[in-house]
PDB file of all heavy atoms in Angstrom:
ATOM      1  N   ALA A   1     -36.909  70.612  42.553  1.00  0.00           N
ATOM      2  CA  ALA A   1     -37.558  69.940  43.682  1.00  0.00           C
ATOM      3  C   ALA A   1     -37.771  68.470  43.387  1.00  0.00           C
ATOM      4  O   ALA A   1     -38.331  68.104  42.324  1.00  0.00           O
ATOM      5  CB  ALA A   1     -38.909  70.610  43.988  1.00  0.00           C
ATOM      6  N   ASN A   2     -37.341  67.608  44.316  1.00  0.00           N
ATOM      7  CA  ASN A   2     -37.583  66.154  44.315  1.00  0.00           C
ATOM      8  C   ASN A   2     -36.735  65.395  43.274  1.00  0.00           C
ATOM      9  O   ASN A   2     -36.476  64.219  43.451  1.00  0.00           O
ATOM     10  CB  ASN A   2     -39.063  65.812  44.118  1.00  0.00           C
ATOM     11  CG  ASN A   2     -39.901  66.367  45.254  1.00  0.00           C
ATOM     12  OD1 ASN A   2     -39.699  66.031  46.408  1.00  0.00           O
ATOM     13  ND2 ASN A   2     -40.895  67.214  44.933  1.00  0.00           N
ATOM     14  N   ASP A   3     -36.290  66.050  42.184  1.00  0.00           N
ATOM     15  CA  ASP A   3     -35.480  65.403  41.221  1.00  0.00           C
ATOM     16  C   ASP A   3     -34.903  66.488  40.240  1.00  0.00           C
ATOM     17  O   ASP A   3     -35.610  67.451  39.995  1.00  0.00           O
ATOM     18  CB  ASP A   3     -36.256  64.360  40.421  1.00  0.00           C
ATOM     19  CG  ASP A   3     -35.408  63.519  39.496  1.00  0.00           C
ATOM     20  OD1 ASP A   3     -34.162  63.618  39.532  1.00  0.00           O
ATOM     21  OD2 ASP A   3     -35.959  62.717  38.716  1.00  0.00           O
ATOM     22  N   VAL A   4     -33.712  66.315  39.793  1.00  0.00           N
ATOM     23  CA  VAL A   4     -33.145  67.164  38.753  1.00  0.00           C
ATOM     24  C   VAL A   4     -32.677  66.269  37.636  1.00  0.00           C
ATOM     25  O   VAL A   4     -31.600  65.650  37.745  1.00  0.00           O
ATOM     26  CB  VAL A   4     -32.053  68.091  39.243  1.00  0.00           C
ATOM     27  CG1 VAL A   4     -31.482  68.899  38.136  1.00  0.00           C
ATOM     28  CG2 VAL A   4     -32.567  68.996  40.340  1.00  0.00           C
ATOM     29  N   MET A   5     -33.471  66.121  36.610  1.00  0.00           N
ATOM     30  CA  MET A   5     -33.198  65.202  35.500  1.00  0.00           C
ATOM     31  C   MET A   5     -32.720  65.862  34.242  1.00  0.00           C
ATOM     32  O   MET A   5     -32.112  65.255  33.365  1.00  0.00           O
ATOM     33  CB  MET A   5     -34.455  64.366  35.191  1.00  0.00           C
ATOM     34  CG  MET A   5     -35.572  65.069  34.445  1.00  0.00           C
ATOM     35  SD  MET A   5     -36.235  66.538  35.281  1.00  0.00           S
ATOM     36  CE  MET A   5     -36.951  65.810  36.715  1.00  0.00           C
ATOM     37  N   ALA A   6     -32.962  67.232  34.161  1.00  0.00           N
ATOM     38  CA  ALA A   6     -32.594  67.972  32.952  1.00  0.00           C
ATOM     39  C   ALA A   6     -33.122  69.396  33.109  1.00  0.00           C
ATOM     40  O   ALA A   6     -33.798  69.715  34.087  1.00  0.00           O
ATOM     41  CB  ALA A   6     -33.185  67.343  31.684  1.00  0.00           C
ATOM     42  N   TYR A   7     -32.828  70.244  32.116  1.00  0.00           N
ATOM     43  CA  TYR A   7     -33.525  71.515  32.023  1.00  0.00           C
ATOM     44  C   TYR A   7     -34.963  71.244  31.609  1.00  0.00           C
ATOM     45  O   TYR A   7     -35.230  70.332  30.801  1.00  0.00           O
ATOM     46  CB  TYR A   7     -32.852  72.432  30.986  1.00  0.00           C
ATOM     47  CG  TYR A   7     -31.638  73.149  31.545  1.00  0.00           C
ATOM     48  CD1 TYR A   7     -30.426  72.502  31.669  1.00  0.00           C
ATOM     49  CD2 TYR A   7     -31.727  74.490  31.928  1.00  0.00           C
ATOM     50  CE1 TYR A   7     -29.297  73.163  32.178  1.00  0.00           C
ATOM     51  CE2 TYR A   7     -30.628  75.143  32.443  1.00  0.00           C
ATOM     52  CZ  TYR A   7     -29.429  74.487  32.572  1.00  0.00           C
ATOM     53  OH  TYR A   7     -28.345  75.145  33.111  1.00  0.00           O
ATOM     54  N   ILE A   8     -35.863  72.098  32.081  1.00  0.00           N
ATOM     55  CA  ILE A   8     -37.279  72.003  31.720  1.00  0.00           C
ATOM     56  C   ILE A   8     -37.624  73.263  30.922  1.00  0.00           C
ATOM     57  O   ILE A   8     -37.969  74.270  31.547  1.00  0.00           O
ATOM     58  CB  ILE A   8     -38.186  71.817  32.937  1.00  0.00           C
ATOM     59  CG1 ILE A   8     -37.760  70.605  33.758  1.00  0.00           C
ATOM     60  CG2 ILE A   8     -39.635  71.663  32.495  1.00  0.00           C
ATOM     61  CD1 ILE A   8     -37.828  69.266  32.996  1.00  0.00           C
ATOM     62  N   PRO A   9     -37.527  73.231  29.621  1.00  0.00           N
ATOM     63  CA  PRO A   9     -37.820  74.416  28.827  1.00  0.00           C
ATOM     64  C   PRO A   9     -39.333  74.627  28.633  1.00  0.00           C
ATOM     65  O   PRO A   9     -40.098  73.644  28.646  1.00  0.00           O
ATOM     66  CB  PRO A   9     -37.147  74.117  27.481  1.00  0.00           C
ATOM     67  CG  PRO A   9     -37.218  72.618  27.374  1.00  0.00           C
ATOM     68  CD  PRO A   9     -37.093  72.091  28.796  1.00  0.00           C
ATOM     69  N   SER A  10     -39.729  75.823  28.464  1.00  0.00           N
ATOM     70  CA  SER A  10     -41.086  76.144  28.000  1.00  0.00           C
ATOM     71  C   SER A  10     -41.164  75.859  26.523  1.00  0.00           C
ATOM     72  O   SER A  10     -40.170  75.566  25.871  1.00  0.00           O
ATOM     73  CB  SER A  10     -41.433  77.596  28.312  1.00  0.00           C
ATOM     74  OG  SER A  10     -40.518  78.423  27.567  1.00  0.00           O
ATOM     75  N   ARG A  11     -42.374  75.954  25.967  1.00  0.00           N
ATOM     76  CA  ARG A  11     -42.507  75.752  24.538  1.00  0.00           C
ATOM     77  C   ARG A  11     -41.684  76.814  23.810  1.00  0.00           C
ATOM     78  O   ARG A  11     -41.062  76.523  22.765  1.00  0.00           O
ATOM     79  CB  ARG A  11     -43.951  75.825  24.125  1.00  0.00           C
ATOM     80  CG  ARG A  11     -44.219  75.367  22.672  1.00  0.00           C
ATOM     81  CD  ARG A  11     -45.710  75.379  22.379  1.00  0.00           C
ATOM     82  NE  ARG A  11     -45.940  74.841  21.028  1.00  0.00           N
ATOM     83  CZ  ARG A  11     -46.213  73.573  20.764  1.00  0.00           C
ATOM     84  NH1 ARG A  11     -46.323  72.709  21.756  1.00  0.00           N
ATOM     85  NH2 ARG A  11     -46.426  73.118  19.527  1.00  0.00           N
ATOM     86  N   ARG A  12     -41.646  78.041  24.331  1.00  0.00           N
ATOM     87  CA  ARG A  12     -40.868  79.144  23.711  1.00  0.00           C
ATOM     88  C   ARG A  12     -39.404  78.764  23.648  1.00  0.00           C
ATOM     89  O   ARG A  12     -38.733  78.847  22.587  1.00  0.00           O
ATOM     90  CB  ARG A  12     -41.061  80.419  24.464  1.00  0.00           C
ATOM     91  CG  ARG A  12     -40.165  81.565  24.032  1.00  0.00           C
ATOM     92  CD  ARG A  12     -40.258  82.794  24.931  1.00  0.00           C
ATOM     93  NE  ARG A  12     -39.739  82.558  26.276  1.00  0.00           N
ATOM     94  CZ  ARG A  12     -38.447  82.677  26.591  1.00  0.00           C
ATOM     95  NH1 ARG A  12     -37.573  83.040  25.674  1.00  0.00           N
ATOM     96  NH2 ARG A  12     -38.040  82.463  27.828  1.00  0.00           N
ATOM     97  N   VAL A  13     -38.823  78.359  24.810  1.00  0.00           N
ATOM     98  CA  VAL A  13     -37.405  78.070  24.876  1.00  0.00           C
ATOM     99  C   VAL A  13     -37.073  76.834  24.075  1.00  0.00           C
ATOM    100  O   VAL A  13     -36.046  76.738  23.402  1.00  0.00           O
ATOM    101  CB  VAL A  13     -36.952  77.910  26.352  1.00  0.00           C
ATOM    102  CG1 VAL A  13     -35.525  77.435  26.448  1.00  0.00           C
ATOM    103  CG2 VAL A  13     -37.115  79.238  27.088  1.00  0.00           C
ATOM    104  N   LEU A  14     -37.974  75.841  24.089  1.00  0.00           N
ATOM    105  CA  LEU A  14     -37.781  74.631  23.309  1.00  0.00           C
ATOM    106  C   LEU A  14     -37.676  74.931  21.832  1.00  0.00           C
ATOM    107  O   LEU A  14     -36.818  74.415  21.110  1.00  0.00           O
ATOM    108  CB  LEU A  14     -38.898  73.637  23.579  1.00  0.00           C
ATOM    109  CG  LEU A  14     -38.697  72.198  23.073  1.00  0.00           C
ATOM    110  CD1 LEU A  14     -37.509  71.532  23.704  1.00  0.00           C
ATOM    111  CD2 LEU A  14     -39.973  71.386  23.346  1.00  0.00           C
ATOM    112  N   SER A  15     -38.544  75.840  21.358  1.00  0.00           N
ATOM    113  CA  SER A  15     -38.506  76.191  19.931  1.00  0.00           C
ATOM    114  C   SER A  15     -37.284  77.012  19.576  1.00  0.00           C
ATOM    115  O   SER A  15     -36.772  76.939  18.440  1.00  0.00           O
ATOM    116  CB  SER A  15     -39.771  76.953  19.559  1.00  0.00           C
ATOM    117  OG  SER A  15     -39.843  78.213  20.186  1.00  0.00           O
ATOM    118  N   GLU A  16     -36.789  77.832  20.541  1.00  0.00           N
ATOM    119  CA  GLU A  16     -35.602  78.641  20.286  1.00  0.00           C
ATOM    120  C   GLU A  16     -34.313  77.793  20.286  1.00  0.00           C
ATOM    121  O   GLU A  16     -33.342  78.162  19.657  1.00  0.00           O
ATOM    122  CB  GLU A  16     -35.490  79.721  21.354  1.00  0.00           C
ATOM    123  CG  GLU A  16     -36.543  80.816  21.244  1.00  0.00           C
ATOM    124  CD  GLU A  16     -36.456  81.797  22.405  1.00  0.00           C
ATOM    125  OE1 GLU A  16     -35.632  81.578  23.324  1.00  0.00           O
ATOM    126  OE2 GLU A  16     -37.236  82.793  22.375  1.00  0.00           O
ATOM    127  N   GLY A  17     -34.370  76.661  20.992  1.00  0.00           N
ATOM    128  CA  GLY A  17     -33.189  75.794  21.046  1.00  0.00           C
ATOM    129  C   GLY A  17     -32.144  76.362  21.994  1.00  0.00           C
ATOM    130  O   GLY A  17     -32.482  76.946  23.009  1.00  0.00           O
ATOM    131  N   GLY A  18     -30.885  76.141  21.656  1.00  0.00           N
ATOM    132  CA  GLY A  18     -29.826  76.567  22.538  1.00  0.00           C
ATOM    133  C   GLY A  18     -29.630  75.618  23.711  1.00  0.00           C
ATOM    134  O   GLY A  18     -30.136  74.495  23.700  1.00  0.00           O
ATOM    135  N   TYR A  19     -28.845  76.069  24.677  1.00  0.00           N
ATOM    136  CA  TYR A  19     -28.455  75.183  25.791  1.00  0.00           C
ATOM    137  C   TYR A  19     -29.676  74.709  26.585  1.00  0.00           C
ATOM    138  O   TYR A  19     -29.905  73.521  26.765  1.00  0.00           O
ATOM    139  CB  TYR A  19     -27.510  75.973  26.688  1.00  0.00           C
ATOM    140  CG  TYR A  19     -26.919  75.145  27.809  1.00  0.00           C
ATOM    141  CD1 TYR A  19     -25.895  74.216  27.567  1.00  0.00           C
ATOM    142  CD2 TYR A  19     -27.364  75.303  29.099  1.00  0.00           C
ATOM    143  CE1 TYR A  19     -25.346  73.455  28.592  1.00  0.00           C
ATOM    144  CE2 TYR A  19     -26.822  74.554  30.137  1.00  0.00           C
ATOM    145  CZ  TYR A  19     -25.810  73.637  29.886  1.00  0.00           C
ATOM    146  OH  TYR A  19     -25.289  72.880  30.901  1.00  0.00           O
ATOM    147  N   GLU A  20     -30.492  75.669  27.053  1.00  0.00           N
ATOM    148  CA  GLU A  20     -31.647  75.261  27.883  1.00  0.00           C
ATOM    149  C   GLU A  20     -32.724  74.569  27.018  1.00  0.00           C
ATOM    150  O   GLU A  20     -33.526  73.789  27.532  1.00  0.00           O
ATOM    151  CB  GLU A  20     -32.236  76.499  28.590  1.00  0.00           C
ATOM    152  CG  GLU A  20     -31.310  77.174  29.524  1.00  0.00           C
ATOM    153  CD  GLU A  20     -30.490  78.284  28.880  1.00  0.00           C
ATOM    154  OE1 GLU A  20     -30.500  78.341  27.617  1.00  0.00           O
ATOM    155  OE2 GLU A  20     -29.830  79.036  29.598  1.00  0.00           O
ATOM    156  N   GLY A  21     -32.742  74.901  25.731  1.00  0.00           N
ATOM    157  CA  GLY A  21     -33.770  74.337  24.855  1.00  0.00           C
ATOM    158  C   GLY A  21     -33.501  72.934  24.389  1.00  0.00           C
ATOM    159  O   GLY A  21     -34.349  72.296  23.765  1.00  0.00           O
ATOM    160  N   GLY A  22     -32.324  72.390  24.669  1.00  0.00           N
ATOM    161  CA  GLY A  22     -32.054  71.023  24.275  1.00  0.00           C
ATOM    162  C   GLY A  22     -30.580  70.640  24.306  1.00  0.00           C
ATOM    163  O   GLY A  22     -30.230  69.464  24.480  1.00  0.00           O
ATOM    164  N   GLY A  23     -29.708  71.600  24.125  1.00  0.00           N
ATOM    165  CA  GLY A  23     -28.283  71.296  24.124  1.00  0.00           C
ATOM    166  C   GLY A  23     -27.745  70.640  25.384  1.00  0.00           C
ATOM    167  O   GLY A  23     -26.820  69.816  25.331  1.00  0.00           O
ATOM    168  N   ALA A  24     -28.357  70.995  26.511  1.00  0.00           N
ATOM    169  CA  ALA A  24     -27.892  70.470  27.791  1.00  0.00           C
ATOM    170  C   ALA A  24     -28.278  69.003  28.036  1.00  0.00           C
ATOM    171  O   ALA A  24     -27.771  68.373  28.958  1.00  0.00           O
ATOM    172  CB  ALA A  24     -28.441  71.341  28.921  1.00  0.00           C
ATOM    173  N   MET A  25     -29.193  68.487  27.222  1.00  0.00           N
ATOM    174  CA  MET A  25     -29.688  67.125  27.479  1.00  0.00           C
ATOM    175  C   MET A  25     -28.558  66.118  27.439  1.00  0.00           C
ATOM    176  O   MET A  25     -28.594  65.100  28.120  1.00  0.00           O
ATOM    177  CB  MET A  25     -30.745  66.764  26.434  1.00  0.00           C
ATOM    178  CG  MET A  25     -31.973  67.634  26.449  1.00  0.00           C
ATOM    179  SD  MET A  25     -32.915  67.483  27.998  1.00  0.00           S
ATOM    180  CE  MET A  25     -34.106  66.216  27.569  1.00  0.00           C
ATOM    181  N   VAL A  26     -27.518  66.386  26.633  1.00  0.00           N
ATOM    182  CA  VAL A  26     -26.414  65.429  26.500  1.00  0.00           C
ATOM    183  C   VAL A  26     -25.704  65.230  27.853  1.00  0.00           C
ATOM    184  O   VAL A  26     -25.261  64.133  28.188  1.00  0.00           O
ATOM    185  CB  VAL A  26     -25.418  65.901  25.413  1.00  0.00           C
ATOM    186  CG1 VAL A  26     -24.738  67.191  25.788  1.00  0.00           C
ATOM    187  CG2 VAL A  26     -24.379  64.802  25.157  1.00  0.00           C
ATOM    188  N   TYR A  27     -25.666  66.278  28.674  1.00  0.00           N
ATOM    189  CA  TYR A  27     -24.955  66.188  29.955  1.00  0.00           C
ATOM    190  C   TYR A  27     -25.784  65.419  31.002  1.00  0.00           C
ATOM    191  O   TYR A  27     -25.248  64.930  31.972  1.00  0.00           O
ATOM    192  CB  TYR A  27     -24.620  67.562  30.461  1.00  0.00           C
ATOM    193  CG  TYR A  27     -23.824  68.387  29.467  1.00  0.00           C
ATOM    194  CD1 TYR A  27     -24.417  69.474  28.810  1.00  0.00           C
ATOM    195  CD2 TYR A  27     -22.509  68.058  29.186  1.00  0.00           C
ATOM    196  CE1 TYR A  27     -23.699  70.179  27.881  1.00  0.00           C
ATOM    197  CE2 TYR A  27     -21.778  68.773  28.241  1.00  0.00           C
ATOM    198  CZ  TYR A  27     -22.392  69.844  27.603  1.00  0.00           C
ATOM    199  OH  TYR A  27     -21.668  70.545  26.686  1.00  0.00           O
ATOM    200  N   TYR A  28     -27.081  65.359  30.792  1.00  0.00           N
ATOM    201  CA  TYR A  28     -27.952  64.620  31.687  1.00  0.00           C
ATOM    202  C   TYR A  28     -28.169  63.174  31.278  1.00  0.00           C
ATOM    203  O   TYR A  28     -28.778  62.374  31.998  1.00  0.00           O
ATOM    204  CB  TYR A  28     -29.313  65.324  31.841  1.00  0.00           C
ATOM    205  CG  TYR A  28     -29.273  66.568  32.679  1.00  0.00           C
ATOM    206  CD1 TYR A  28     -29.148  67.825  32.119  1.00  0.00           C
ATOM    207  CD2 TYR A  28     -29.324  66.473  34.066  1.00  0.00           C
ATOM    208  CE1 TYR A  28     -29.121  68.981  32.900  1.00  0.00           C
ATOM    209  CE2 TYR A  28     -29.287  67.597  34.858  1.00  0.00           C
ATOM    210  CZ  TYR A  28     -29.182  68.841  34.270  1.00  0.00           C
ATOM    211  OH  TYR A  28     -29.144  69.952  35.066  1.00  0.00           O
ATOM    212  N   GLY A  29     -27.745  62.813  30.069  1.00  0.00           N
ATOM    213  CA  GLY A  29     -27.857  61.444  29.632  1.00  0.00           C
ATOM    214  C   GLY A  29     -29.209  61.043  29.054  1.00  0.00           C
ATOM    215  O   GLY A  29     -29.382  59.890  28.697  1.00  0.00           O
TER     216      GLY A  29
END
């Protein structure tokens, strides 16, 4: 809604890593 700048991981997903946890950031710049 209103903007799509990147994936927004929870603390759980951020700590697990992977695509949604941080890998996708490269595609959003």
